[in-house]
PDB file of N, CA and C in Angstrom:
ATOM      1  N   UNK A   1       0.354  -1.040   0.073  1.00  0.00           N
ATOM      2  CA  UNK A   1      -0.466   0.022  -0.188  1.00  0.00           C
ATOM      3  C   UNK A   1       1.036   1.285  -0.394  1.00  0.00           C
ATOM      4  N   UNK A   2       0.399   1.958  -0.380  1.00  0.00           N
ATOM      5  CA  UNK A   2       1.420   3.351  -1.089  1.00  0.00           C
ATOM      6  C   UNK A   2       0.329   4.268   0.257  1.00  0.00           C
ATOM      7  N   UNK A   3       0.881   5.549   0.832  1.00  0.00           N
ATOM      8  CA  UNK A   3       0.180   6.965   1.242  1.00  0.00           C
ATOM      9  C   UNK A   3       0.482   7.556   1.335  1.00  0.00           C
ATOM     10  N   UNK A   4      -0.284   8.657   1.643  1.00  0.00           N
ATOM     11  CA  UNK A   4       0.164   9.806   1.445  1.00  0.00           C
ATOM     12  C   UNK A   4       0.082  10.959   2.283  1.00  0.00           C
ATOM     13  N   UNK A   5       0.170  12.520   2.557  1.00  0.00           N
ATOM     14  CA  UNK A   5      -1.042  13.327   2.574  1.00  0.00           C
ATOM     15  C   UNK A   5      -1.726  14.691   1.471  1.00  0.00           C
ATOM     16  N   UNK A   6      -2.577  14.928   2.195  1.00  0.00           N
ATOM     17  CA  UNK A   6      -3.123  16.100   2.048  1.00  0.00           C
ATOM     18  C   UNK A   6      -2.564  17.403   2.059  1.00  0.00           C
ATOM     19  N   UNK A   7      -1.429  18.322   1.204  1.00  0.00           N
ATOM     20  CA  UNK A   7      -1.279  19.113   2.383  1.00  0.00           C
ATOM     21  C   UNK A   7      -1.822  20.750   1.348  1.00  0.00           C
ATOM     22  N   UNK A   8      -2.213  21.636   2.901  1.00  0.00           N
ATOM     23  CA  UNK A   8      -2.557  22.734   2.257  1.00  0.00           C
ATOM     24  C   UNK A   8      -3.586  22.259   1.679  1.00  0.00           C
ATOM     25  N   UNK A   9      -4.443  21.874   2.333  1.00  0.00           N
ATOM     26  CA  UNK A   9      -5.906  21.124   1.482  1.00  0.00           C
ATOM     27  C   UNK A   9      -5.672  20.881   0.242  1.00  0.00           C
ATOM     28  N   UNK A  10      -4.765  21.299  -0.776  1.00  0.00           N
ATOM     29  CA  UNK A  10      -5.212  21.263  -2.382  1.00  0.00           C
ATOM     30  C   UNK A  10      -4.214  20.262  -2.844  1.00  0.00           C
ATOM     31  N   UNK A  11      -3.418  19.759  -2.639  1.00  0.00           N
ATOM     32  CA  UNK A  11      -3.004  18.818  -3.042  1.00  0.00           C
ATOM     33  C   UNK A  11      -2.143  17.529  -2.857  1.00  0.00           C
ATOM     34  N   UNK A  12      -2.842  16.716  -3.521  1.00  0.00           N
ATOM     35  CA  UNK A  12      -2.524  15.054  -2.638  1.00  0.00           C
ATOM     36  C   UNK A  12      -0.600  14.089  -3.247  1.00  0.00           C
ATOM     37  N   UNK A  13      -0.201  14.187  -2.460  1.00  0.00           N
ATOM     38  CA  UNK A  13       1.143  14.628  -1.690  1.00  0.00           C
ATOM     39  C   UNK A  13       1.722  12.470  -1.167  1.00  0.00           C
ATOM     40  N   UNK A  14       2.554  12.645  -2.592  1.00  0.00           N
ATOM     41  CA  UNK A  14       3.693  11.168  -2.102  1.00  0.00           C
ATOM     42  C   UNK A  14       4.338  11.248  -2.923  1.00  0.00           C
ATOM     43  N   UNK A  15       4.871  10.092  -1.376  1.00  0.00           N
ATOM     44  CA  UNK A  15       6.461   9.086  -1.723  1.00  0.00           C
ATOM     45  C   UNK A  15       6.590   8.682  -3.068  1.00  0.00           C
ATOM     46  N   UNK A  16       7.392   8.458  -4.056  1.00  0.00           N
ATOM     47  CA  UNK A  16       7.828   7.520  -5.221  1.00  0.00           C
ATOM     48  C   UNK A  16       9.352   7.908  -4.374  1.00  0.00           C
ATOM     49  N   UNK A  17      10.300   6.388  -5.513  1.00  0.00           N
ATOM     50  CA  UNK A  17      10.441   6.443  -4.748  1.00  0.00           C
ATOM     51  C   UNK A  17      11.718   5.528  -6.206  1.00  0.00           C
ATOM     52  N   UNK A  18      13.623   6.812  -6.885  1.00  0.00           N
ATOM     53  CA  UNK A  18      13.733   6.157  -7.684  1.00  0.00           C
ATOM     54  C   UNK A  18      14.783   5.682  -8.102  1.00  0.00           C
ATOM     55  N   UNK A  19      14.151   4.127  -8.559  1.00  0.00           N
ATOM     56  CA  UNK A  19      15.392   2.762  -7.866  1.00  0.00           C
ATOM     57  C   UNK A  19      16.431   3.195  -8.624  1.00  0.00           C
ATOM     58  N   UNK A  20      16.550   2.994 -10.028  1.00  0.00           N
ATOM     59  CA  UNK A  20      16.444   2.855 -11.334  1.00  0.00           C
ATOM     60  C   UNK A  20      18.686   4.202 -11.071  1.00  0.00           C
ATOM     61  N   UNK A  21      18.735   4.564 -10.204  1.00  0.00           N
ATOM     62  CA  UNK A  21      19.881   5.145  -9.734  1.00  0.00           C
ATOM     63  C   UNK A  21      20.491   4.922  -8.533  1.00  0.00           C
ATOM     64  N   UNK A  22      22.431   5.242  -8.138  1.00  0.00           N
ATOM     65  CA  UNK A  22      22.566   5.018  -7.400  1.00  0.00           C
ATOM     66  C   UNK A  22      23.278   6.363  -7.238  1.00  0.00           C
ATOM     67  N   UNK A  23      23.040   6.769  -5.819  1.00  0.00           N
ATOM     68  CA  UNK A  23      21.873   5.889  -5.026  1.00  0.00           C
ATOM     69  C   UNK A  23      19.578   5.560  -4.644  1.00  0.00           C
ATOM     70  N   UNK A  24      19.797   5.627  -4.637  1.00  0.00           N
ATOM     71  CA  UNK A  24      18.260   5.311  -4.759  1.00  0.00           C
ATOM     72  C   UNK A  24      17.606   7.457  -4.247  1.00  0.00           C
ATOM     73  N   UNK A  25      16.710   7.795  -4.974  1.00  0.00           N
ATOM     74  CA  UNK A  25      15.503   8.610  -4.562  1.00  0.00           C
ATOM     75  C   UNK A  25      15.901   8.758  -4.564  1.00  0.00           C
ATOM     76  N   UNK A  26      14.442   8.708  -2.945  1.00  0.00           N
ATOM     77  CA  UNK A  26      13.398   9.885  -2.904  1.00  0.00           C
ATOM     78  C   UNK A  26      12.431  10.857  -3.660  1.00  0.00           C
ATOM     79  N   UNK A  27      11.487  10.835  -3.733  1.00  0.00           N
ATOM     80  CA  UNK A  27      10.736  12.505  -3.889  1.00  0.00           C
ATOM     81  C   UNK A  27       9.674  12.222  -4.304  1.00  0.00           C
ATOM     82  N   UNK A  28       8.729  13.538  -3.543  1.00  0.00           N
ATOM     83  CA  UNK A  28       7.576  14.064  -3.321  1.00  0.00           C
ATOM     84  C   UNK A  28       6.887  15.003  -4.933  1.00  0.00           C
ATOM     85  N   UNK A  29       6.009  13.715  -4.660  1.00  0.00           N
ATOM     86  CA  UNK A  29       4.936  14.334  -6.355  1.00  0.00           C
ATOM     87  C   UNK A  29       3.230  14.393  -6.101  1.00  0.00           C
ATOM     88  N   UNK A  30       2.641  15.255  -6.723  1.00  0.00           N
ATOM     89  CA  UNK A  30       2.154  15.445  -5.900  1.00  0.00           C
ATOM     90  C   UNK A  30       0.485  15.176  -6.815  1.00  0.00           C
ATOM     91  N   UNK A  31      -0.218  13.746  -7.163  1.00  0.00           N
ATOM     92  CA  UNK A  31      -0.881  13.506  -7.614  1.00  0.00           C
ATOM     93  C   UNK A  31      -1.832  14.116  -8.221  1.00  0.00           C
ATOM     94  N   UNK A  32      -1.259  14.049  -9.839  1.00  0.00           N
ATOM     95  CA  UNK A  32      -2.840  14.796 -10.845  1.00  0.00           C
ATOM     96  C   UNK A  32      -4.048  14.663 -11.814  1.00  0.00           C
ATOM     97  N   UNK A  33      -5.027  14.080 -11.532  1.00  0.00           N
ATOM     98  CA  UNK A  33      -6.137  13.552 -12.092  1.00  0.00           C
ATOM     99  C   UNK A  33      -6.109  14.026 -13.115  1.00  0.00           C
ATOM    100  N   UNK A  34      -6.218  14.250 -13.451  1.00  0.00           N
ATOM    101  CA  UNK A  34      -6.071  16.156 -14.762  1.00  0.00           C
ATOM    102  C   UNK A  34      -5.023  15.410 -16.065  1.00  0.00           C
ATOM    103  N   UNK A  35      -4.099  14.635 -15.321  1.00  0.00           N
ATOM    104  CA  UNK A  35      -2.973  14.111 -15.989  1.00  0.00           C
ATOM    105  C   UNK A  35      -2.357  13.454 -16.123  1.00  0.00           C
ATOM    106  N   UNK A  36      -2.886  12.259 -18.161  1.00  0.00           N
ATOM    107  CA  UNK A  36      -3.089  11.051 -18.495  1.00  0.00           C
ATOM    108  C   UNK A  36      -1.847  10.855 -18.166  1.00  0.00           C
ATOM    109  N   UNK A  37      -0.457  11.581 -18.660  1.00  0.00           N
ATOM    110  CA  UNK A  37       0.089  10.102 -18.807  1.00  0.00           C
ATOM    111  C   UNK A  37       1.000   9.453 -17.281  1.00  0.00           C
ATOM    112  N   UNK A  38       2.181   9.067 -17.042  1.00  0.00           N
ATOM    113  CA  UNK A  38       2.699   8.382 -16.341  1.00  0.00           C
ATOM    114  C   UNK A  38       3.001   9.384 -14.554  1.00  0.00           C
ATOM    115  N   UNK A  39       3.898   9.964 -14.882  1.00  0.00           N
ATOM    116  CA  UNK A  39       5.208  11.171 -14.260  1.00  0.00           C
ATOM    117  C   UNK A  39       5.497  12.019 -14.871  1.00  0.00           C
ATOM    118  N   UNK A  40       5.866  13.122 -14.739  1.00  0.00           N
ATOM    119  CA  UNK A  40       6.552  14.188 -15.021  1.00  0.00           C
ATOM    120  C   UNK A  40       7.327  14.745 -13.454  1.00  0.00           C
ATOM    121  N   UNK A  41       8.093  14.662 -14.042  1.00  0.00           N
ATOM    122  CA  UNK A  41       9.926  15.263 -13.358  1.00  0.00           C
ATOM    123  C   UNK A  41      10.107  16.839 -13.513  1.00  0.00           C
ATOM    124  N   UNK A  42      10.484  17.525 -12.481  1.00  0.00           N
ATOM    125  CA  UNK A  42      11.234  18.840 -12.916  1.00  0.00           C
ATOM    126  C   UNK A  42      12.915  18.286 -13.697  1.00  0.00           C
ATOM    127  N   UNK A  43      12.980  18.937 -14.959  1.00  0.00           N
ATOM    128  CA  UNK A  43      14.560  18.779 -15.432  1.00  0.00           C
ATOM    129  C   UNK A  43      15.041  18.996 -14.747  1.00  0.00           C
ATOM    130  N   UNK A  44      15.698  19.368 -13.614  1.00  0.00           N
ATOM    131  CA  UNK A  44      17.107  19.858 -12.720  1.00  0.00           C
ATOM    132  C   UNK A  44      16.885  18.337 -11.759  1.00  0.00           C
ATOM    133  N   UNK A  45      15.592  17.429 -11.698  1.00  0.00           N
ATOM    134  CA  UNK A  45      15.651  16.285 -11.154  1.00  0.00           C
ATOM    135  C   UNK A  45      16.549  15.515 -12.146  1.00  0.00           C
ATOM    136  N   UNK A  46      15.722  15.395 -12.586  1.00  0.00           N
ATOM    137  CA  UNK A  46      16.336  14.331 -13.801  1.00  0.00           C
ATOM    138  C   UNK A  46      18.073  14.606 -14.845  1.00  0.00           C
ATOM    139  N   UNK A  47      18.317  15.090 -14.495  1.00  0.00           N
ATOM    140  CA  UNK A  47      19.826  15.721 -14.819  1.00  0.00           C
ATOM    141  C   UNK A  47      20.200  14.901 -13.444  1.00  0.00           C
ATOM    142  N   UNK A  48      19.706  14.999 -12.693  1.00  0.00           N
ATOM    143  CA  UNK A  48      20.894  14.758 -11.996  1.00  0.00           C
ATOM    144  C   UNK A  48      20.595  12.931 -11.152  1.00  0.00           C
ATOM    145  N   UNK A  49      19.647  12.731 -11.435  1.00  0.00           N
ATOM    146  CA  UNK A  49      19.054  10.749 -11.107  1.00  0.00           C
ATOM    147  C   UNK A  49      19.659  10.977 -12.985  1.00  0.00           C
ATOM    148  N   UNK A  50      20.036  11.605 -13.684  1.00  0.00           N
ATOM    149  CA  UNK A  50      20.811  10.333 -15.045  1.00  0.00           C
ATOM    150  C   UNK A  50      20.024   9.844 -15.700  1.00  0.00           C
ATOM    151  N   UNK A  51      18.325  10.325 -15.598  1.00  0.00           N
ATOM    152  CA  UNK A  51      18.117   9.365 -16.404  1.00  0.00           C
ATOM    153  C   UNK A  51      18.346   9.313 -17.890  1.00  0.00           C
ATOM    154  N   UNK A  52      17.916   7.973 -18.823  1.00  0.00           N
ATOM    155  CA  UNK A  52      18.017   8.355 -20.049  1.00  0.00           C
ATOM    156  C   UNK A  52      16.591   8.747 -20.890  1.00  0.00           C
ATOM    157  N   UNK A  53      17.429   9.800 -22.121  1.00  0.00           N
ATOM    158  CA  UNK A  53      15.976  10.032 -22.566  1.00  0.00           C
ATOM    159  C   UNK A  53      15.960   9.627 -23.600  1.00  0.00           C
ATOM    160  N   UNK A  54      14.815   9.411 -24.034  1.00  0.00           N
ATOM    161  CA  UNK A  54      14.183   8.277 -25.582  1.00  0.00           C
ATOM    162  C   UNK A  54      12.893   9.068 -26.851  1.00  0.00           C
ATOM    163  N   UNK A  55      13.692   9.825 -26.222  1.00  0.00           N
ATOM    164  CA  UNK A  55      12.684  10.465 -27.003  1.00  0.00           C
ATOM    165  C   UNK A  55      11.476  11.684 -26.972  1.00  0.00           C
ATOM    166  N   UNK A  56      10.497  12.333 -27.562  1.00  0.00           N
ATOM    167  CA  UNK A  56       9.604  12.920 -27.330  1.00  0.00           C
ATOM    168  C   UNK A  56       8.490  12.614 -27.431  1.00  0.00           C
ATOM    169  N   UNK A  57       7.632  13.067 -25.926  1.00  0.00           N
ATOM    170  CA  UNK A  57       5.904  12.529 -27.150  1.00  0.00           C
ATOM    171  C   UNK A  57       5.397  13.912 -26.737  1.00  0.00           C
ATOM    172  N   UNK A  58       4.721  13.716 -27.974  1.00  0.00           N
ATOM    173  CA  UNK A  58       3.500  15.016 -28.193  1.00  0.00           C
ATOM    174  C   UNK A  58       2.788  15.095 -26.710  1.00  0.00           C
ATOM    175  N   UNK A  59       2.566  16.245 -26.230  1.00  0.00           N
ATOM    176  CA  UNK A  59       1.064  16.291 -25.714  1.00  0.00           C
ATOM    177  C   UNK A  59       0.670  17.272 -25.490  1.00  0.00           C
ATOM    178  N   UNK A  60      -1.522  17.838 -24.838  1.00  0.00           N
ATOM    179  CA  UNK A  60      -2.575  18.930 -25.413  1.00  0.00           C
ATOM    180  C   UNK A  60      -2.232  19.239 -24.308  1.00  0.00           C
ATOM    181  N   UNK A  61      -1.621  20.491 -23.303  1.00  0.00           N
ATOM    182  CA  UNK A  61      -2.198  21.075 -22.132  1.00  0.00           C
ATOM    183  C   UNK A  61      -2.789  21.185 -21.665  1.00  0.00           C
ATOM    184  N   UNK A  62      -3.100  21.171 -20.643  1.00  0.00           N
ATOM    185  CA  UNK A  62      -4.804  21.943 -19.788  1.00  0.00           C
ATOM    186  C   UNK A  62      -5.516  23.300 -20.579  1.00  0.00           C
ATOM    187  N   UNK A  63      -5.059  23.924 -21.284  1.00  0.00           N
ATOM    188  CA  UNK A  63      -4.820  24.680 -22.420  1.00  0.00           C
ATOM    189  C   UNK A  63      -4.967  24.260 -23.774  1.00  0.00           C
ATOM    190  N   UNK A  64      -4.965  23.733 -24.090  1.00  0.00           N
ATOM    191  CA  UNK A  64      -5.452  22.697 -25.263  1.00  0.00           C
ATOM    192  C   UNK A  64      -4.139  23.352 -26.327  1.00  0.00           C
ATOM    193  N   UNK A  65      -2.894  24.225 -25.231  1.00  0.00           N
ATOM    194  CA  UNK A  65      -1.909  23.752 -26.651  1.00  0.00           C
ATOM    195  C   UNK A  65      -1.306  22.428 -26.851  1.00  0.00           C
ATOM    196  N   UNK A  66      -0.411  22.003 -27.971  1.00  0.00           N
ATOM    197  CA  UNK A  66       0.258  21.424 -28.388  1.00  0.00           C
ATOM    198  C   UNK A  66       1.296  20.497 -27.783  1.00  0.00           C
ATOM    199  N   UNK A  67       2.347  20.442 -27.650  1.00  0.00           N
ATOM    200  CA  UNK A  67       4.270  21.162 -27.422  1.00  0.00           C
ATOM    201  C   UNK A  67       4.290  19.340 -27.312  1.00  0.00           C
ATOM    202  N   UNK A  68       5.632  19.332 -27.458  1.00  0.00           N
ATOM    203  CA  UNK A  68       6.361  18.176 -27.922  1.00  0.00           C
ATOM    204  C   UNK A  68       7.541  17.850 -26.865  1.00  0.00           C
ATOM    205  N   UNK A  69       7.394  17.961 -25.975  1.00  0.00           N
ATOM    206  CA  UNK A  69       7.710  17.275 -24.282  1.00  0.00           C
ATOM    207  C   UNK A  69       8.768  15.701 -23.956  1.00  0.00           C
ATOM    208  N   UNK A  70      10.134  16.767 -23.859  1.00  0.00           N
ATOM    209  CA  UNK A  70      10.507  15.396 -23.971  1.00  0.00           C
ATOM    210  C   UNK A  70      10.489  14.217 -22.693  1.00  0.00           C
ATOM    211  N   UNK A  71      10.900  12.495 -23.414  1.00  0.00           N
ATOM    212  CA  UNK A  71      10.790  12.071 -22.284  1.00  0.00           C
ATOM    213  C   UNK A  71      11.878  11.300 -22.185  1.00  0.00           C
ATOM    214  N   UNK A  72      11.889  10.266 -20.881  1.00  0.00           N
ATOM    215  CA  UNK A  72      13.000   9.711 -20.256  1.00  0.00           C
ATOM    216  C   UNK A  72      12.242   8.234 -19.768  1.00  0.00           C
ATOM    217  N   UNK A  73      13.214   7.789 -19.584  1.00  0.00           N
ATOM    218  CA  UNK A  73      12.740   6.307 -18.935  1.00  0.00           C
ATOM    219  C   UNK A  73      13.288   6.782 -16.947  1.00  0.00           C
ATOM    220  N   UNK A  74      12.736   5.933 -16.222  1.00  0.00           N
ATOM    221  CA  UNK A  74      13.210   5.801 -14.982  1.00  0.00           C
ATOM    222  C   UNK A  74      12.663   4.552 -14.463  1.00  0.00           C
ATOM    223  N   UNK A  75      13.491   3.871 -13.614  1.00  0.00           N
ATOM    224  CA  UNK A  75      11.846   2.282 -12.471  1.00  0.00           C
ATOM    225  C   UNK A  75      12.341   3.200 -10.920  1.00  0.00           C
ATOM    226  N   UNK A  76      10.750   2.947 -10.715  1.00  0.00           N
ATOM    227  CA  UNK A  76      10.756   3.091  -9.781  1.00  0.00           C
ATOM    228  C   UNK A  76       9.466   2.400  -8.467  1.00  0.00           C
ATOM    229  N   UNK A  77       9.804   2.100  -7.217  1.00  0.00           N
ATOM    230  CA  UNK A  77       9.550   1.116  -6.961  1.00  0.00           C
ATOM    231  C   UNK A  77       8.222   1.133  -6.063  1.00  0.00           C
ATOM    232  N   UNK A  78       7.435   0.485  -6.461  1.00  0.00           N
ATOM    233  CA  UNK A  78       5.580   0.878  -6.626  1.00  0.00           C
ATOM    234  C   UNK A  78       5.331  -0.379  -6.042  1.00  0.00           C
ATOM    235  N   UNK A  79       4.283  -0.837  -4.383  1.00  0.00           N
ATOM    236  CA  UNK A  79       4.242  -1.527  -3.860  1.00  0.00           C
ATOM    237  C   UNK A  79       4.781  -2.429  -4.363  1.00  0.00           C
ATOM    238  N   UNK A  80       5.920  -2.023  -3.639  1.00  0.00           N
ATOM    239  CA  UNK A  80       7.524  -3.866  -3.377  1.00  0.00           C
ATOM    240  C   UNK A  80       8.118  -4.284  -4.505  1.00  0.00           C
ATOM    241  N   UNK A  81       7.400  -3.283  -6.267  1.00  0.00           N
ATOM    242  CA  UNK A  81       8.412  -3.722  -7.545  1.00  0.00           C
ATOM    243  C   UNK A  81       8.607  -2.610  -8.338  1.00  0.00           C
ATOM    244  N   UNK A  82       9.573  -3.529  -8.915  1.00  0.00           N
ATOM    245  CA  UNK A  82      10.284  -2.170  -9.585  1.00  0.00           C
ATOM    246  C   UNK A  82       9.565  -1.947 -11.151  1.00  0.00           C
ATOM    247  N   UNK A  83       9.115  -0.881 -11.337  1.00  0.00           N
ATOM    248  CA  UNK A  83       8.223  -1.043 -12.538  1.00  0.00           C
ATOM    249  C   UNK A  83       8.910   0.687 -12.874  1.00  0.00           C
ATOM    250  N   UNK A  84       9.283   0.251 -14.821  1.00  0.00           N
ATOM    251  CA  UNK A  84       9.641   1.117 -15.665  1.00  0.00           C
ATOM    252  C   UNK A  84       8.268   1.924 -16.156  1.00  0.00           C
ATOM    253  N   UNK A  85       9.038   3.306 -15.209  1.00  0.00           N
ATOM    254  CA  UNK A  85       8.328   4.122 -16.763  1.00  0.00           C
ATOM    255  C   UNK A  85       8.162   5.621 -16.578  1.00  0.00           C
ATOM    256  N   UNK A  86       7.706   5.816 -18.068  1.00  0.00           N
ATOM    257  CA  UNK A  86       7.211   6.961 -18.597  1.00  0.00           C
ATOM    258  C   UNK A  86       8.066   8.203 -17.675  1.00  0.00           C
ATOM    259  N   UNK A  87       8.794   8.466 -18.540  1.00  0.00           N
ATOM    260  CA  UNK A  87       8.979  10.496 -17.006  1.00  0.00           C
ATOM    261  C   UNK A  87       8.839  11.301 -18.016  1.00  0.00           C
ATOM    262  N   UNK A  88       7.657  12.406 -18.003  1.00  0.00           N
ATOM    263  CA  UNK A  88       8.545  13.683 -18.718  1.00  0.00           C
ATOM    264  C   UNK A  88       7.927  15.113 -18.164  1.00  0.00           C
ATOM    265  N   UNK A  89       9.652  15.762 -19.084  1.00  0.00           N
ATOM    266  CA  UNK A  89      10.363  16.612 -18.350  1.00  0.00           C
ATOM    267  C   UNK A  89       8.858  17.740 -18.437  1.00  0.00           C
ATOM    268  N   UNK A  90       9.607  18.832 -16.959  1.00  0.00           N
ATOM    269  CA  UNK A  90       8.587  20.099 -16.986  1.00  0.00           C
ATOM    270  C   UNK A  90       9.816  20.763 -15.970  1.00  0.00           C
ATOM    271  N   UNK A  91       9.697  22.454 -16.528  1.00  0.00           N
ATOM    272  CA  UNK A  91      10.015  23.067 -15.384  1.00  0.00           C
ATOM    273  C   UNK A  91       8.779  23.098 -14.031  1.00  0.00           C
ATOM    274  N   UNK A  92       7.366  22.507 -14.196  1.00  0.00           N
ATOM    275  CA  UNK A  92       7.029  22.694 -12.403  1.00  0.00           C
ATOM    276  C   UNK A  92       6.879  22.133 -11.994  1.00  0.00           C
ATOM    277  N   UNK A  93       6.328  21.368 -10.927  1.00  0.00           N
ATOM    278  CA  UNK A  93       6.306  19.939  -9.882  1.00  0.00           C
ATOM    279  C   UNK A  93       6.862  18.567 -10.660  1.00  0.00           C
ATOM    280  N   UNK A  94       6.751  17.601  -9.266  1.00  0.00           N
ATOM    281  CA  UNK A  94       6.492  15.901 -10.025  1.00  0.00           C
ATOM    282  C   UNK A  94       5.268  16.184 -10.005  1.00  0.00           C
ATOM    283  N   UNK A  95       4.636  15.113 -11.185  1.00  0.00           N
ATOM    284  CA  UNK A  95       3.571  14.478 -10.694  1.00  0.00           C
ATOM    285  C   UNK A  95       2.808  13.734 -11.125  1.00  0.00           C
ATOM    286  N   UNK A  96       2.477  12.496 -10.059  1.00  0.00           N
ATOM    287  CA  UNK A  96       1.375  11.440 -10.671  1.00  0.00           C
ATOM    288  C   UNK A  96       0.463  11.329 -11.871  1.00  0.00           C
ATOM    289  N   UNK A  97       0.274  10.665 -12.606  1.00  0.00           N
ATOM    290  CA  UNK A  97      -0.637  10.915 -13.092  1.00  0.00           C
ATOM    291  C   UNK A  97      -1.710   9.454 -13.780  1.00  0.00           C
ATOM    292  N   UNK A  98      -2.329  10.050 -13.943  1.00  0.00           N
ATOM    293  CA  UNK A  98      -3.488   8.499 -14.392  1.00  0.00           C
ATOM    294  C   UNK A  98      -2.919   7.230 -14.285  1.00  0.00           C
ATOM    295  N   UNK A  99      -2.104   7.517 -15.944  1.00  0.00           N
ATOM    296  CA  UNK A  99      -1.557   6.352 -16.697  1.00  0.00           C
ATOM    297  C   UNK A  99      -0.729   5.607 -15.101  1.00  0.00           C
ATOM    298  N   UNK A 100      -0.070   6.021 -14.658  1.00  0.00           N
ATOM    299  CA  UNK A 100       1.026   5.549 -13.525  1.00  0.00           C
ATOM    300  C   UNK A 100      -0.870   5.482 -12.383  1.00  0.00           C
ATOM    301  N   UNK A 101      -1.081   5.235 -12.357  1.00  0.00           N
ATOM    302  CA  UNK A 101      -2.452   4.892 -10.959  1.00  0.00           C
ATOM    303  C   UNK A 101      -2.940   3.665 -11.816  1.00  0.00           C
ATOM    304  N   UNK A 102      -3.533   3.448 -12.807  1.00  0.00           N
ATOM    305  CA  UNK A 102      -4.034   2.755 -13.075  1.00  0.00           C
ATOM    306  C   UNK A 102      -4.106   1.487 -13.203  1.00  0.00           C
ATOM    307  N   UNK A 103      -5.319   0.887 -12.921  1.00  0.00           N
ATOM    308  CA  UNK A 103      -5.055  -0.730 -12.104  1.00  0.00           C
ATOM    309  C   UNK A 103      -5.380  -0.369 -10.413  1.00  0.00           C
ATOM    310  N   UNK A 104      -4.755   0.378  -9.177  1.00  0.00           N
ATOM    311  CA  UNK A 104      -5.012   0.961  -8.366  1.00  0.00           C
ATOM    312  C   UNK A 104      -6.624   1.439  -8.337  1.00  0.00           C
ATOM    313  N   UNK A 105      -6.511   1.425  -6.717  1.00  0.00           N
ATOM    314  CA  UNK A 105      -7.693   2.463  -5.520  1.00  0.00           C
ATOM    315  C   UNK A 105      -6.769   3.189  -4.859  1.00  0.00           C
ATOM    316  N   UNK A 106      -7.743   4.350  -5.637  1.00  0.00           N
ATOM    317  CA  UNK A 106      -7.413   5.954  -4.881  1.00  0.00           C
ATOM    318  C   UNK A 106      -7.714   5.919  -4.087  1.00  0.00           C
ATOM    319  N   UNK A 107      -7.610   7.006  -2.518  1.00  0.00           N
ATOM    320  CA  UNK A 107      -8.644   6.851  -1.664  1.00  0.00           C
ATOM    321  C   UNK A 107      -7.929   8.267  -0.730  1.00  0.00           C
ATOM    322  N   UNK A 108      -9.083   9.130  -0.845  1.00  0.00           N
ATOM    323  CA  UNK A 108      -8.618  10.750  -0.487  1.00  0.00           C
ATOM    324  C   UNK A 108      -9.527  11.619   0.219  1.00  0.00           C
ATOM    325  N   UNK A 109      -8.587  11.853   1.725  1.00  0.00           N
ATOM    326  CA  UNK A 109      -9.165  12.196   2.614  1.00  0.00           C
ATOM    327  C   UNK A 109      -9.407  13.468   2.549  1.00  0.00           C
ATOM    328  N   UNK A 110      -9.202  14.869   1.698  1.00  0.00           N
ATOM    329  CA  UNK A 110      -9.764  15.839   1.555  1.00  0.00           C
ATOM    330  C   UNK A 110     -10.186  16.585   2.218  1.00  0.00           C
ATOM    331  N   UNK A 111      -8.847  16.905   3.053  1.00  0.00           N
ATOM    332  CA  UNK A 111      -8.264  18.179   4.720  1.00  0.00           C
ATOM    333  C   UNK A 111      -7.417  17.717   4.596  1.00  0.00           C
ATOM    334  N   UNK A 112      -7.371  18.653   5.393  1.00  0.00           N
ATOM    335  CA  UNK A 112      -5.631  19.711   6.118  1.00  0.00           C
ATOM    336  C   UNK A 112      -5.178  18.163   6.130  1.00  0.00           C
ATOM    337  N   UNK A 113      -4.240  18.161   6.351  1.00  0.00           N
ATOM    338  CA  UNK A 113      -3.230  16.927   6.970  1.00  0.00           C
ATOM    339  C   UNK A 113      -4.014  15.484   6.436  1.00  0.00           C
ATOM    340  N   UNK A 114      -4.986  14.764   5.526  1.00  0.00           N
ATOM    341  CA  UNK A 114      -5.723  14.488   5.078  1.00  0.00           C
ATOM    342  C   UNK A 114      -5.375  13.331   4.630  1.00  0.00           C
ATOM    343  N   UNK A 115      -5.700  11.655   4.646  1.00  0.00           N
ATOM    344  CA  UNK A 115      -4.156  11.149   4.002  1.00  0.00           C
ATOM    345  C   UNK A 115      -4.949  10.586   3.174  1.00  0.00           C
ATOM    346  N   UNK A 116      -4.423   9.630   2.310  1.00  0.00           N
ATOM    347  CA  UNK A 116      -4.482   9.289   0.084  1.00  0.00           C
ATOM    348  C   UNK A 116      -3.504   8.016   1.184  1.00  0.00           C
ATOM    349  N   UNK A 117      -4.210   6.775   0.296  1.00  0.00           N
ATOM    350  CA  UNK A 117      -4.202   5.316   0.188  1.00  0.00           C
ATOM    351  C   UNK A 117      -4.892   4.984  -1.177  1.00  0.00           C
ATOM    352  N   UNK A 118      -3.512   3.613  -1.563  1.00  0.00           N
ATOM    353  CA  UNK A 118      -3.533   3.948  -3.030  1.00  0.00           C
ATOM    354  C   UNK A 118      -3.277   1.961  -2.609  1.00  0.00           C
ATOM    355  N   UNK A 119      -4.035   1.541  -3.308  1.00  0.00           N
ATOM    356  CA  UNK A 119      -4.144  -0.313  -2.881  1.00  0.00           C
ATOM    357  C   UNK A 119      -4.359  -0.622  -4.456  1.00  0.00           C
ATOM    358  N   UNK A 120      -3.400  -1.702  -4.916  1.00  0.00           N
ATOM    359  CA  UNK A 120      -3.440  -2.504  -5.841  1.00  0.00           C
ATOM    360  C   UNK A 120      -4.675  -3.353  -6.339  1.00  0.00           C
ATOM    361  N   UNK A 121      -5.838  -2.904  -6.931  1.00  0.00           N
ATOM    362  CA  UNK A 121      -7.056  -3.612  -7.666  1.00  0.00           C
ATOM    363  C   UNK A 121      -6.670  -5.586  -7.505  1.00  0.00           C
ATOM    364  N   UNK A 122      -7.965  -5.899  -7.251  1.00  0.00           N
ATOM    365  CA  UNK A 122      -7.124  -7.537  -7.652  1.00  0.00           C
ATOM    366  C   UNK A 122      -7.782  -8.200  -8.816  1.00  0.00           C
TER     367      UNK A 122
END
């Protein structure tokens, strides 16, 4: 089970561990149900982790603008198993998207310091 907290009554934060690097790195990421891809990380973090770039992905932003975003690969510990995920580069915060959460039950207690629980579906 993955757990996290609601911060400032508006952001659902979980901790992820990127294990495909030495040493493994723990990062905080915001759950974003409007983000359809797997994971978005700030460029400076991608550079520090030395993630391999695998190309570009065309995406449509919330404002309707179409852009090409650099794509990388990372190995993330998820429910005690290593999982290869696509990572998109951003200038903003680390985001966990719906493709990353697919196959899981997400429970949010949306109050200050509310609990977040993510469990795999049977």
